[in-house]
Amino acid sequence: MNRASRIAGAAAVVVLLGVGGYMAADAAGFLKKTGPLSEDEVRSASEGFLAAWAEGDIGEAADLTDDGQSALTALDGFRKELGQEVTLKAAERRSTTVAFSVSVRLEGGGARSVWTYDSELKVVRDEESGEPRVDWSPGVVHPRLASGDRLTLVEDDALSVAATDRDGRELTVDEFPSLASVLPDLAKRYGDILGGEPGVEVRVTGRDGRTGPPLHVVSEGKRAELRTTLSAERQRAAERAVKKYPRSSAVAVEPSSGEILAVANNREDGFNAAFLGNRAPGSTMKIVTAAALLEKDLVSASGPAPCPKVKGYGGATFQNLDKFEIDGGTFSDAFIRSCNTTFVGFADRVGSSGLAEEAKEVFGLGLEWHSGVATFDGRVPEADGPERAASMIGQGKVQVNALNMASVAATASTGTFRQPILVALDLDGRSIAEAKRSLPDDVTEQLRAMMRRTATEGTAAEAMRGLPGDIGAKTGSAEVDGAETSDSWFTGFRDDTAAAATVEAGGHGGDAAGPIVRDILAAGD
């Protein structure tokens, strides 16, 4: 066949079909529809898809889409998770878009429910066959679904418990966003003990396993009251305070009992860094180091303590902020100004295990805490060489969080470690961590006196200025590998409240973390 004949042949099989479009031959000579879709084609494709889905013939429904495999996977997941009792009804057609309603009968938590929602689909002409097909996307199943998402029935443990503060006021995530991870943990641990029952909800579950907010409640569950040690007043203050800086965390505890009064985080990732974080605390660790030096009679608060500009140890060089020095000062002077070189100078005499033992045996760091929720309980390992000197000033491999350092301040203020708790021990009969010993009275008095000086005339004075009562504090700046700006740390006490805060890349302890702690300690004034 010559070129002219081929053109004539092709033209002979192009037939006008009116509003519905055209019929054309494909490369193999088979007729294939082209052009705009007719009303009948849109209606036929959409109704056929919805009828097949409703009847449970998901294979047929998937074949009526332009991505059969993806549609089959999604519709099969819908059927397995939510069931087959589904009713679908076309509601309105706008050109090639068809709105429809979905009603599905659900069971869960001993309850039955009908969930009705609206969705829509679009009909397109398949490029290969020319037939009308549903343009497949996860949004056909539900408008909230994106690629990789699925609808799931989720047992929500949080619905089994109504957590309250120490005075019986209910704590909700809406009012206290920082409790978003704490309240579900409490419900999971104590719901059954208290006789609560989890609710059942329809949620979107992403590819990463995270679930979104509830789309429909199948069963509201049974809520039991759980009283925590939190103070709504302190919690509100902490929530407001951490909003000042991104990537900040704070905790408040009651030194006389160890009860946790507040926990707050300001983080985009939702991580509860206040309880689970593990970062170097910088010079706030000098509270523990000072206690070790005082207990070993290596120093006294009023005794002399060299504070040169720089100090070498184990082949490494340590220096003070802006290389300041104190000529003829006392150990208390070095503490309130946070002189690194003073503390590094005692690394040899403390030994490889001295600081680790003090941290665990007196301050409870590294023991297994049982607060009522998951926590990281501090790590102060034995160290040698430059690591030993770095540990003395809260660097190296020392790792803690705001909860740990609030507890350190609390222990310093009373002389005795009381493991932080969020839920009363008699609820589940759990045991708590106990330190091997308390600080001697004279060490406690010297430590408190140095923290008071720090809060009134040292590095913490600006942040703590104007706070009445018995106050004490310690600042810290922790260098982090690869970061241009150090982490900001601050811990302190006021009467029977101790608090600590950290701000990642916040700089000097008194500049960022300090104002957070001050606001928490000032709550109720």
Protein backbone atom coordinates (compact mmCIF):
# COMPACT_ATOMS: atom_id res chain seq x y z
CA MET A 1 0.00 0.00 0.00
CA ASN A 2 1.40 3.40 -1.00
CA ARG A 3 1.42 6.47 1.27
CA ALA A 4 -1.75 7.92 -0.21
CA SER A 5 -3.60 4.66 0.28
CA ARG A 6 -2.54 4.47 3.94
CA ILE A 7 -3.83 8.00 4.58
CA ALA A 8 -7.11 7.19 2.85
CA GLY A 9 -7.46 4.00 4.91
CA ALA A 10 -6.89 5.85 8.14
CA ALA A 11 -9.41 8.49 7.26
CA ALA A 12 -11.98 5.87 6.44
CA VAL A 13 -12.11 4.58 10.06
CA VAL A 14 -12.48 7.96 11.76
CA VAL A 15 -16.20 8.25 12.52
CA LEU A 16 -17.92 11.19 14.19
CA LEU A 17 -19.79 9.98 17.29
CA GLY A 18 -21.52 13.22 18.18
CA VAL A 19 -21.11 14.57 21.70
CA GLY A 20 -19.40 11.39 22.83
CA GLY A 21 -16.25 11.93 20.78
CA TYR A 22 -14.64 10.07 17.92
CA MET A 23 -13.63 6.56 16.93
CA ALA A 24 -10.09 6.10 15.60
CA ALA A 25 -7.89 3.18 14.66
CA ASP A 26 -4.86 2.47 16.76
CA ALA A 27 -1.47 1.34 15.44
CA ALA A 28 -2.73 -2.23 15.06
CA GLY A 29 -5.82 -1.15 13.17
CA PHE A 30 -8.27 -1.69 16.03
CA LEU A 31 -10.98 0.89 16.62
CA LYS A 32 -10.43 3.04 19.76
CA LYS A 33 -12.62 5.81 21.14
CA THR A 34 -11.07 9.25 21.39
CA GLY A 35 -12.20 12.77 22.19
CA PRO A 36 -14.47 14.09 24.96
CA LEU A 37 -16.43 11.68 27.11
CA SER A 38 -20.16 11.46 26.63
CA GLU A 39 -22.65 11.70 29.50
CA ASP A 40 -23.46 8.05 29.04
CA GLU A 41 -19.78 7.08 29.29
CA VAL A 42 -19.28 9.07 32.50
CA ARG A 43 -22.47 7.64 34.00
CA SER A 44 -21.69 4.08 32.94
CA ALA A 45 -18.10 4.11 34.22
CA SER A 46 -18.89 5.77 37.55
CA GLU A 47 -21.98 3.71 38.33
CA GLY A 48 -20.25 0.51 37.29
CA PHE A 49 -17.32 1.25 39.59
CA LEU A 50 -19.50 2.19 42.56
CA ALA A 51 -21.78 -0.85 42.09
CA ALA A 52 -18.84 -3.26 41.91
CA TRP A 53 -17.26 -1.72 45.03
CA ALA A 54 -20.53 -1.87 46.97
CA GLU A 55 -21.12 -5.52 45.96
CA GLY A 56 -17.65 -6.49 47.13
CA ASP A 57 -16.38 -7.28 43.64
CA ILE A 58 -13.25 -5.21 44.10
CA GLY A 59 -11.51 -6.89 41.19
CA GLU A 60 -14.19 -5.64 38.82
CA ALA A 61 -14.13 -2.20 40.48
CA ALA A 62 -10.35 -2.00 40.11
CA ASP A 63 -10.60 -2.98 36.41
CA LEU A 64 -12.83 0.04 35.88
CA THR A 65 -10.00 2.39 36.90
CA ASP A 66 -6.93 3.55 35.02
CA ASP A 67 -4.59 2.04 37.68
CA GLY A 68 -6.01 -1.37 38.48
CA GLN A 69 -3.26 -2.62 40.76
CA SER A 70 -3.24 0.45 43.02
CA ALA A 71 -7.03 0.50 43.14
CA LEU A 72 -7.16 -3.22 43.99
CA THR A 73 -4.71 -2.75 46.87
CA ALA A 74 -6.62 0.22 48.28
CA LEU A 75 -10.09 -1.31 47.96
CA ASP A 76 -8.91 -4.61 49.41
CA GLY A 77 -7.41 -2.73 52.36
CA PHE A 78 -10.67 -0.85 52.86
CA ARG A 79 -12.62 -4.12 52.86
CA LYS A 80 -10.27 -5.92 55.27
CA GLU A 81 -10.05 -3.00 57.72
CA LEU A 82 -13.56 -1.57 57.68
CA GLY A 83 -15.64 -4.50 56.36
CA GLN A 84 -17.80 -5.18 53.34
CA GLU A 85 -21.10 -3.65 54.46
CA VAL A 86 -20.77 -0.54 52.36
CA THR A 87 -23.36 1.47 50.47
CA LEU A 88 -22.32 3.90 47.74
CA LYS A 89 -24.61 6.33 45.99
CA ALA A 90 -23.87 8.80 43.22
CA ALA A 91 -25.10 12.21 44.27
CA GLU A 92 -24.17 14.73 41.57
CA ARG A 93 -22.32 14.79 38.25
CA ARG A 94 -20.40 17.84 37.15
CA SER A 95 -19.01 17.20 33.68
CA THR A 96 -16.62 14.27 34.23
CA THR A 97 -16.59 14.55 38.05
CA VAL A 98 -19.08 12.52 40.05
CA ALA A 99 -19.78 13.20 43.72
CA PHE A 100 -20.93 10.23 45.78
CA SER A 101 -21.65 9.25 49.36
CA VAL A 102 -20.19 6.31 51.28
CA SER A 103 -21.96 4.59 54.17
CA VAL A 104 -20.15 1.78 55.93
CA ARG A 105 -21.30 -0.29 58.88
CA LEU A 106 -18.59 -0.63 61.51
CA GLU A 107 -18.08 -2.70 64.64
CA GLY A 108 -15.55 -2.22 67.44
CA GLY A 109 -15.32 -2.02 71.21
CA GLY A 110 -18.64 -3.83 71.54
CA ALA A 111 -20.43 -1.11 69.60
CA ARG A 112 -21.88 -0.76 66.11
CA SER A 113 -21.91 2.40 64.06
CA VAL A 114 -22.67 3.68 60.57
CA TRP A 115 -20.15 6.10 59.15
CA THR A 116 -21.29 8.24 56.23
CA TYR A 117 -19.04 10.60 54.34
CA ASP A 118 -18.77 12.26 50.93
CA SER A 119 -16.16 11.69 48.26
CA GLU A 120 -15.85 12.12 44.51
CA LEU A 121 -14.28 10.54 41.46
CA LYS A 122 -13.33 11.68 38.00
CA VAL A 123 -13.84 9.73 34.79
CA VAL A 124 -11.17 9.92 32.09
CA ARG A 125 -10.61 8.20 28.78
CA ASP A 126 -7.97 5.50 29.09
CA GLU A 127 -5.03 6.29 26.82
CA GLU A 128 -4.47 2.69 25.78
CA SER A 129 -7.99 1.29 25.37
CA GLY A 130 -9.93 4.49 24.79
CA GLU A 131 -12.55 3.26 27.27
CA PRO A 132 -13.92 5.47 30.07
CA ARG A 133 -12.19 4.70 33.36
CA VAL A 134 -12.17 6.11 36.89
CA ASP A 135 -9.08 8.29 37.33
CA TRP A 136 -7.60 6.45 40.30
CA SER A 137 -6.19 8.18 43.39
CA PRO A 138 -6.38 7.30 47.12
CA GLY A 139 -8.72 10.28 47.50
CA VAL A 140 -11.47 8.29 45.76
CA VAL A 141 -11.71 6.07 48.85
CA HIS A 142 -11.69 9.10 51.18
CA PRO A 143 -10.74 12.75 50.51
CA ARG A 144 -8.20 12.73 53.38
CA LEU A 145 -6.11 9.93 51.88
CA ALA A 146 -2.83 10.63 50.12
CA SER A 147 -0.36 8.23 48.53
CA GLY A 148 0.59 5.48 50.98
CA ASP A 149 -2.29 6.28 53.39
CA ARG A 150 -5.06 3.92 54.42
CA LEU A 151 -8.16 4.01 56.57
CA THR A 152 -7.84 1.97 59.77
CA LEU A 153 -9.84 1.10 62.85
CA VAL A 154 -7.70 2.18 65.80
CA GLU A 155 -8.10 1.31 69.45
CA ASP A 156 -7.41 4.59 71.24
CA ASP A 157 -6.08 3.86 74.72
CA ALA A 158 -6.26 7.56 75.54
CA LEU A 159 -10.05 7.27 75.64
CA SER A 160 -9.78 4.78 78.52
CA VAL A 161 -8.38 7.32 80.98
CA ALA A 162 -9.29 10.83 82.04
CA ALA A 163 -6.03 12.14 83.53
CA THR A 164 -6.25 14.90 86.11
CA ASP A 165 -3.77 17.09 87.89
CA ARG A 166 -3.06 16.77 91.61
CA ASP A 167 -6.18 18.81 92.42
CA GLY A 168 -8.54 16.76 90.25
CA ARG A 169 -8.65 19.08 87.22
CA GLU A 170 -8.80 17.17 83.94
CA LEU A 171 -5.76 17.51 81.70
CA THR A 172 -6.40 17.59 77.96
CA VAL A 173 -4.11 17.83 74.96
CA ASP A 174 -6.17 20.74 73.64
CA GLU A 175 -5.29 22.80 76.70
CA PHE A 176 -1.82 21.34 77.28
CA PRO A 177 -0.28 20.29 73.93
CA SER A 178 2.95 19.09 75.57
CA LEU A 179 1.01 16.20 77.10
CA ALA A 180 0.26 14.76 73.64
CA SER A 181 2.66 11.86 74.21
CA VAL A 182 2.34 11.65 78.00
CA LEU A 183 -1.43 11.14 78.29
CA PRO A 184 -1.61 8.19 75.83
CA ASP A 185 1.31 6.55 77.64
CA LEU A 186 -0.51 6.89 80.95
CA ALA A 187 -3.72 5.49 79.44
CA LYS A 188 -1.89 2.51 77.96
CA ARG A 189 -0.19 1.71 81.25
CA TYR A 190 -3.07 2.31 83.64
CA GLY A 191 -6.32 2.03 81.66
CA ASP A 192 -6.84 -1.65 82.43
CA ILE A 193 -5.79 -1.27 86.07
CA LEU A 194 -8.40 1.45 86.57
CA GLY A 195 -11.14 -0.38 84.68
CA GLY A 196 -11.12 1.85 81.63
CA GLU A 197 -11.78 0.57 78.12
CA PRO A 198 -10.17 1.95 74.95
CA GLY A 199 -12.32 3.62 72.35
CA VAL A 200 -12.39 2.63 68.70
CA GLU A 201 -12.00 5.23 65.96
CA VAL A 202 -11.51 5.44 62.21
CA ARG A 203 -8.26 7.22 61.43
CA VAL A 204 -5.90 7.77 58.53
CA THR A 205 -2.71 5.75 58.98
CA GLY A 206 0.26 6.92 56.95
CA ARG A 207 3.02 4.95 55.33
CA ASP A 208 5.16 5.62 58.43
CA GLY A 209 2.53 4.10 60.74
CA ARG A 210 1.48 7.40 62.28
CA THR A 211 -2.23 7.99 62.69
CA GLY A 212 -4.09 11.22 62.18
CA PRO A 213 -7.00 12.66 64.16
CA PRO A 214 -10.21 10.61 64.38
CA LEU A 215 -12.54 10.75 61.37
CA HIS A 216 -15.29 8.78 63.08
CA VAL A 217 -15.84 7.36 66.56
CA VAL A 218 -17.16 3.81 66.60
CA SER A 219 -16.98 3.35 70.37
CA GLU A 220 -16.24 6.03 72.93
CA GLY A 221 -14.81 3.49 75.33
CA LYS A 222 -15.06 3.77 79.09
CA ARG A 223 -13.05 6.44 80.85
CA ALA A 224 -11.55 6.01 84.30
CA GLU A 225 -10.00 8.83 86.30
CA LEU A 226 -6.23 8.84 86.82
CA ARG A 227 -4.84 11.47 89.17
CA THR A 228 -1.30 12.57 88.35
CA THR A 229 1.19 14.66 90.31
CA LEU A 230 1.09 17.46 87.72
CA SER A 231 -0.01 20.96 88.68
CA ALA A 232 -2.24 22.60 86.08
CA GLU A 233 -0.87 25.98 87.17
CA ARG A 234 2.78 24.96 86.71
CA GLN A 235 1.97 23.04 83.54
CA ARG A 236 0.33 26.11 82.00
CA ALA A 237 3.33 28.24 82.95
CA ALA A 238 5.73 25.69 81.45
CA GLU A 239 3.72 25.44 78.22
CA ARG A 240 3.81 29.22 77.82
CA ALA A 241 7.49 29.47 78.73
CA VAL A 242 8.80 26.95 76.18
CA LYS A 243 7.00 28.79 73.38
CA LYS A 244 9.67 31.49 73.65
CA TYR A 245 12.22 29.29 71.90
CA PRO A 246 12.06 26.45 69.37
CA ARG A 247 13.44 23.04 70.35
CA SER A 248 13.03 23.78 74.04
CA SER A 249 12.05 21.49 76.92
CA ALA A 250 11.32 22.02 80.59
CA VAL A 251 10.37 20.06 83.72
CA ALA A 252 9.41 21.07 87.25
CA VAL A 253 9.52 18.79 90.31
CA GLU A 254 8.78 19.10 94.00
CA PRO A 255 12.04 18.49 95.94
CA SER A 256 10.35 17.34 99.15
CA SER A 257 8.46 14.52 97.39
CA GLY A 258 9.95 14.02 93.93
CA GLU A 259 6.54 14.61 92.37
CA ILE A 260 6.64 15.96 88.82
CA LEU A 261 4.74 19.24 88.58
CA ALA A 262 5.11 20.06 84.88
CA VAL A 263 6.59 18.81 81.63
CA ALA A 264 6.67 20.87 78.45
CA ASN A 265 8.24 20.75 75.00
CA ASN A 266 8.24 23.07 72.01
CA ARG A 267 9.30 20.87 69.11
CA GLU A 268 7.97 20.34 65.60
CA ASP A 269 8.78 16.62 65.71
CA GLY A 270 6.58 16.00 68.77
CA PHE A 271 9.44 14.26 70.61
CA ASN A 272 9.15 14.37 74.40
CA ALA A 273 12.74 15.54 74.85
CA ALA A 274 11.97 16.70 78.41
CA PHE A 275 11.65 13.05 79.51
CA LEU A 276 13.45 11.11 76.78
CA GLY A 277 16.18 13.45 75.53
CA ASN A 278 19.86 12.63 76.04
CA ARG A 279 22.26 15.52 75.50
CA ALA A 280 25.27 16.95 77.28
CA PRO A 281 24.17 19.37 80.05
CA GLY A 282 27.20 21.66 80.06
CA SER A 283 27.98 23.49 83.26
CA THR A 284 24.75 22.56 85.04
CA MET A 285 26.65 19.31 85.66
CA LYS A 286 28.99 21.30 87.90
CA ILE A 287 26.39 20.86 90.65
CA VAL A 288 27.19 17.15 90.70
CA THR A 289 30.93 17.75 90.25
CA ALA A 290 30.99 20.29 93.07
CA ALA A 291 29.19 17.86 95.36
CA ALA A 292 31.82 15.20 94.59
CA LEU A 293 34.68 17.61 95.32
CA LEU A 294 33.07 18.78 98.54
CA GLU A 295 32.35 15.22 99.71
CA LYS A 296 35.95 14.19 99.06
CA ASP A 297 37.21 17.23 101.00
CA LEU A 298 39.12 18.35 97.94
CA VAL A 299 37.62 21.84 98.26
CA SER A 300 35.40 23.96 100.47
CA ALA A 301 33.08 26.68 99.28
CA SER A 302 35.15 29.37 101.00
CA GLY A 303 38.52 27.81 100.28
CA PRO A 304 40.92 28.83 97.51
CA ALA A 305 40.51 27.39 94.00
CA PRO A 306 42.65 28.46 91.02
CA CYS A 307 40.77 29.69 87.95
CA PRO A 308 43.30 30.30 85.14
CA LYS A 309 42.31 31.33 81.61
CA VAL A 310 43.14 27.94 80.13
CA LYS A 311 43.93 24.48 81.49
CA GLY A 312 45.38 21.47 79.73
CA TYR A 313 44.46 17.89 80.55
CA GLY A 314 45.15 14.62 78.74
CA GLY A 315 46.42 16.38 75.67
CA ALA A 316 43.36 18.64 75.37
CA THR A 317 43.04 22.31 76.25
CA PHE A 318 40.07 23.73 78.13
CA GLN A 319 39.24 27.40 78.59
CA ASN A 320 36.69 29.67 80.19
CA LEU A 321 34.16 31.78 78.35
CA ASP A 322 36.10 34.62 76.70
CA LYS A 323 39.15 33.24 78.56
CA PHE A 324 38.29 35.04 81.78
CA GLU A 325 40.29 34.25 84.93
CA ILE A 326 39.83 34.78 88.65
CA ASP A 327 42.87 35.82 90.64
CA GLY A 328 42.85 34.65 94.23
CA GLY A 329 39.23 33.54 94.24
CA THR A 330 37.40 30.88 96.23
CA PHE A 331 35.74 27.72 95.00
CA SER A 332 32.40 29.47 95.45
CA ASP A 333 33.63 32.29 93.18
CA ALA A 334 34.59 29.75 90.55
CA PHE A 335 31.20 28.04 90.83
CA ILE A 336 29.05 31.16 90.48
CA ARG A 337 31.05 32.32 87.45
CA SER A 338 31.18 28.80 86.01
CA CYS A 339 34.96 28.55 85.73
CA ASN A 340 35.73 25.50 83.59
CA THR A 341 39.43 25.42 84.37
CA THR A 342 38.83 25.15 88.11
CA PHE A 343 36.81 21.96 87.70
CA VAL A 344 39.10 20.48 85.06
CA GLY A 345 41.98 21.03 87.46
CA PHE A 346 40.51 18.42 89.83
CA ALA A 347 40.02 15.70 87.22
CA ASP A 348 43.04 13.69 88.37
CA ARG A 349 42.02 13.71 92.04
CA VAL A 350 38.43 12.67 91.30
CA GLY A 351 39.63 9.68 89.29
CA SER A 352 38.01 7.78 86.45
CA SER A 353 34.98 6.67 88.48
CA GLY A 354 34.54 9.45 91.04
CA LEU A 355 32.07 11.56 89.10
CA ALA A 356 30.09 8.54 87.85
CA GLU A 357 29.74 7.25 91.41
CA GLU A 358 28.61 10.63 92.75
CA ALA A 359 26.05 10.98 89.94
CA LYS A 360 24.53 7.55 90.63
CA GLU A 361 24.98 7.08 94.39
CA VAL A 362 23.84 10.57 95.43
CA PHE A 363 21.87 12.10 92.54
CA GLY A 364 20.30 8.92 91.16
CA LEU A 365 21.48 9.48 87.59
CA GLY A 366 21.76 6.23 85.69
CA LEU A 367 19.51 4.30 88.06
CA GLU A 368 16.34 2.76 86.65
CA TRP A 369 13.59 5.26 87.39
CA HIS A 370 9.93 4.24 87.51
CA SER A 371 8.05 7.52 87.24
CA GLY A 372 4.89 6.09 85.68
CA VAL A 373 5.83 6.87 82.07
CA ALA A 374 8.86 6.21 79.89
CA THR A 375 11.94 8.28 80.78
CA PHE A 376 15.65 8.40 80.04
CA ASP A 377 17.33 8.48 83.43
CA GLY A 378 20.74 9.97 82.71
CA ARG A 379 24.15 8.55 81.84
CA VAL A 380 27.43 9.55 83.48
CA PRO A 381 30.02 6.93 82.50
CA GLU A 382 33.46 6.41 83.92
CA ALA A 383 36.03 8.31 81.88
CA ASP A 384 39.76 8.77 81.38
CA GLY A 385 41.98 11.20 79.52
CA PRO A 386 40.32 14.25 77.97
CA GLU A 387 36.89 12.61 78.41
CA ARG A 388 37.33 12.70 82.20
CA ALA A 389 38.03 16.43 82.18
CA ALA A 390 35.14 17.03 79.77
CA SER A 391 32.76 15.11 82.05
CA MET A 392 33.69 17.39 84.97
CA ILE A 393 32.08 20.30 83.09
CA GLY A 394 29.14 18.40 81.61
CA GLN A 395 30.59 17.58 78.22
CA GLY A 396 32.04 14.38 76.77
CA LYS A 397 29.74 11.39 77.11
CA VAL A 398 27.53 12.76 79.88
CA GLN A 399 23.89 12.62 78.73
CA VAL A 400 20.81 13.95 80.50
CA ASN A 401 17.51 15.76 79.90
CA ALA A 402 15.42 18.42 81.62
CA LEU A 403 13.82 15.87 83.97
CA ASN A 404 17.24 14.67 85.13
CA MET A 405 18.54 18.18 85.76
CA ALA A 406 15.40 19.31 87.56
CA SER A 407 15.98 16.32 89.84
CA VAL A 408 19.64 17.33 90.29
CA ALA A 409 18.57 20.80 91.46
CA ALA A 410 15.96 19.23 93.75
CA THR A 411 18.57 16.90 95.27
CA ALA A 412 20.98 19.78 95.78
CA SER A 413 18.30 21.80 97.55
CA THR A 414 17.41 19.06 100.06
CA GLY A 415 20.53 16.88 100.09
CA THR A 416 18.48 13.75 99.30
CA PHE A 417 17.52 12.20 95.96
CA ARG A 418 13.81 11.51 95.60
CA GLN A 419 13.07 9.78 92.35
CA PRO A 420 10.68 11.85 90.21
CA ILE A 421 7.21 10.32 89.89
CA LEU A 422 4.17 11.24 87.80
CA VAL A 423 1.74 8.65 89.17
CA ALA A 424 1.27 7.48 92.76
CA LEU A 425 3.21 4.31 93.59
CA ASP A 426 0.27 2.57 95.23
CA LEU A 427 -1.65 2.54 91.95
CA ASP A 428 0.45 -0.29 90.53
CA GLY A 429 2.76 -1.20 93.41
CA ARG A 430 5.91 -0.34 91.49
CA SER A 431 9.17 0.35 93.29
CA ILE A 432 11.24 3.48 92.79
CA ALA A 433 14.95 4.02 92.44
CA GLU A 434 16.77 4.89 95.64
CA ALA A 435 20.18 6.53 95.84
CA LYS A 436 22.84 4.87 97.96
CA ARG A 437 23.25 7.86 100.26
CA SER A 438 22.28 11.47 100.93
CA LEU A 439 24.71 14.37 100.97
CA PRO A 440 26.24 15.22 104.36
CA ASP A 441 24.56 18.25 105.90
CA ASP A 442 27.63 20.45 105.61
CA VAL A 443 27.99 19.60 101.89
CA THR A 444 24.31 20.34 101.29
CA GLU A 445 24.67 23.70 103.03
CA GLN A 446 27.72 24.67 100.96
CA LEU A 447 26.13 23.52 97.71
CA ARG A 448 22.91 25.43 98.38
CA ALA A 449 24.89 28.52 99.35
CA MET A 450 26.84 28.45 96.08
CA MET A 451 23.64 28.00 94.06
CA ARG A 452 22.07 30.91 95.95
CA ARG A 453 25.07 33.09 95.07
CA THR A 454 24.81 32.01 91.42
CA ALA A 455 21.15 33.07 91.41
CA THR A 456 21.79 36.44 93.02
CA GLU A 457 25.21 37.55 91.82
CA GLY A 458 26.54 34.95 89.40
CA THR A 459 25.72 33.76 85.86
CA ALA A 460 22.05 33.09 86.75
CA ALA A 461 21.39 36.46 88.37
CA GLU A 462 19.79 38.15 85.36
CA ALA A 463 17.29 35.33 84.82
CA MET A 464 16.42 34.96 88.52
CA ARG A 465 16.35 38.65 89.40
CA GLY A 466 13.37 39.69 91.52
CA LEU A 467 12.22 36.18 92.48
CA PRO A 468 11.37 36.11 96.19
CA GLY A 469 11.91 33.16 98.48
CA ASP A 470 14.81 30.75 98.87
CA ILE A 471 16.34 30.56 95.40
CA GLY A 472 19.34 28.87 93.79
CA ALA A 473 20.43 28.14 90.23
CA LYS A 474 23.13 27.00 87.83
CA THR A 475 23.62 27.86 84.17
CA GLY A 476 25.13 25.74 81.43
CA SER A 477 26.18 25.93 77.80
CA ALA A 478 26.91 22.62 76.09
CA GLU A 479 28.91 22.37 72.90
CA VAL A 480 27.49 19.91 70.37
CA ASP A 481 29.56 18.43 67.56
CA GLY A 482 28.74 20.08 64.24
CA ALA A 483 26.65 22.88 65.78
CA GLU A 484 27.72 26.51 65.54
CA THR A 485 25.78 27.50 68.67
CA SER A 486 25.86 25.67 71.99
CA ASP A 487 22.79 24.26 73.75
CA SER A 488 21.40 26.43 76.53
CA TRP A 489 20.81 24.81 79.95
CA PHE A 490 19.50 26.17 83.23
CA THR A 491 18.35 24.55 86.45
CA GLY A 492 17.29 26.06 89.74
CA PHE A 493 15.02 25.93 92.75
CA ARG A 494 12.70 28.24 94.60
CA ASP A 495 11.41 27.05 97.95
CA ASP A 496 9.83 23.63 97.28
CA THR A 497 9.93 23.77 93.49
CA ALA A 498 12.87 22.85 91.27
CA ALA A 499 12.91 23.26 87.50
CA ALA A 500 15.23 22.78 84.56
CA ALA A 501 15.11 23.73 80.90
CA THR A 502 17.19 23.25 77.80
CA VAL A 503 17.06 25.02 74.44
CA GLU A 504 18.92 23.34 71.60
CA ALA A 505 21.29 25.84 69.95
CA GLY A 506 20.06 28.44 72.45
CA GLY A 507 23.50 29.74 73.42
CA HIS A 508 24.33 30.80 76.97
CA GLY A 509 22.29 29.15 79.70
CA GLY A 510 21.07 32.38 81.22
CA ASP A 511 19.90 33.80 77.90
CA ALA A 512 17.41 31.17 76.67
CA ALA A 513 16.83 28.36 79.17
CA GLY A 514 17.06 30.77 82.13
CA PRO A 515 13.91 32.78 81.36
CA ILE A 516 11.96 29.53 80.88
CA VAL A 517 12.92 28.25 84.33
CA ARG A 518 12.25 31.63 85.92
CA ASP A 519 8.69 31.71 84.49
CA ILE A 520 7.97 28.24 85.85
CA LEU A 521 9.33 29.08 89.30
CA ALA A 522 7.34 32.32 89.33
CA ALA A 523 4.01 30.63 88.53
CA GLY A 524 1.35 31.51 91.05
CA ASP A 525 2.89 34.81 92.19
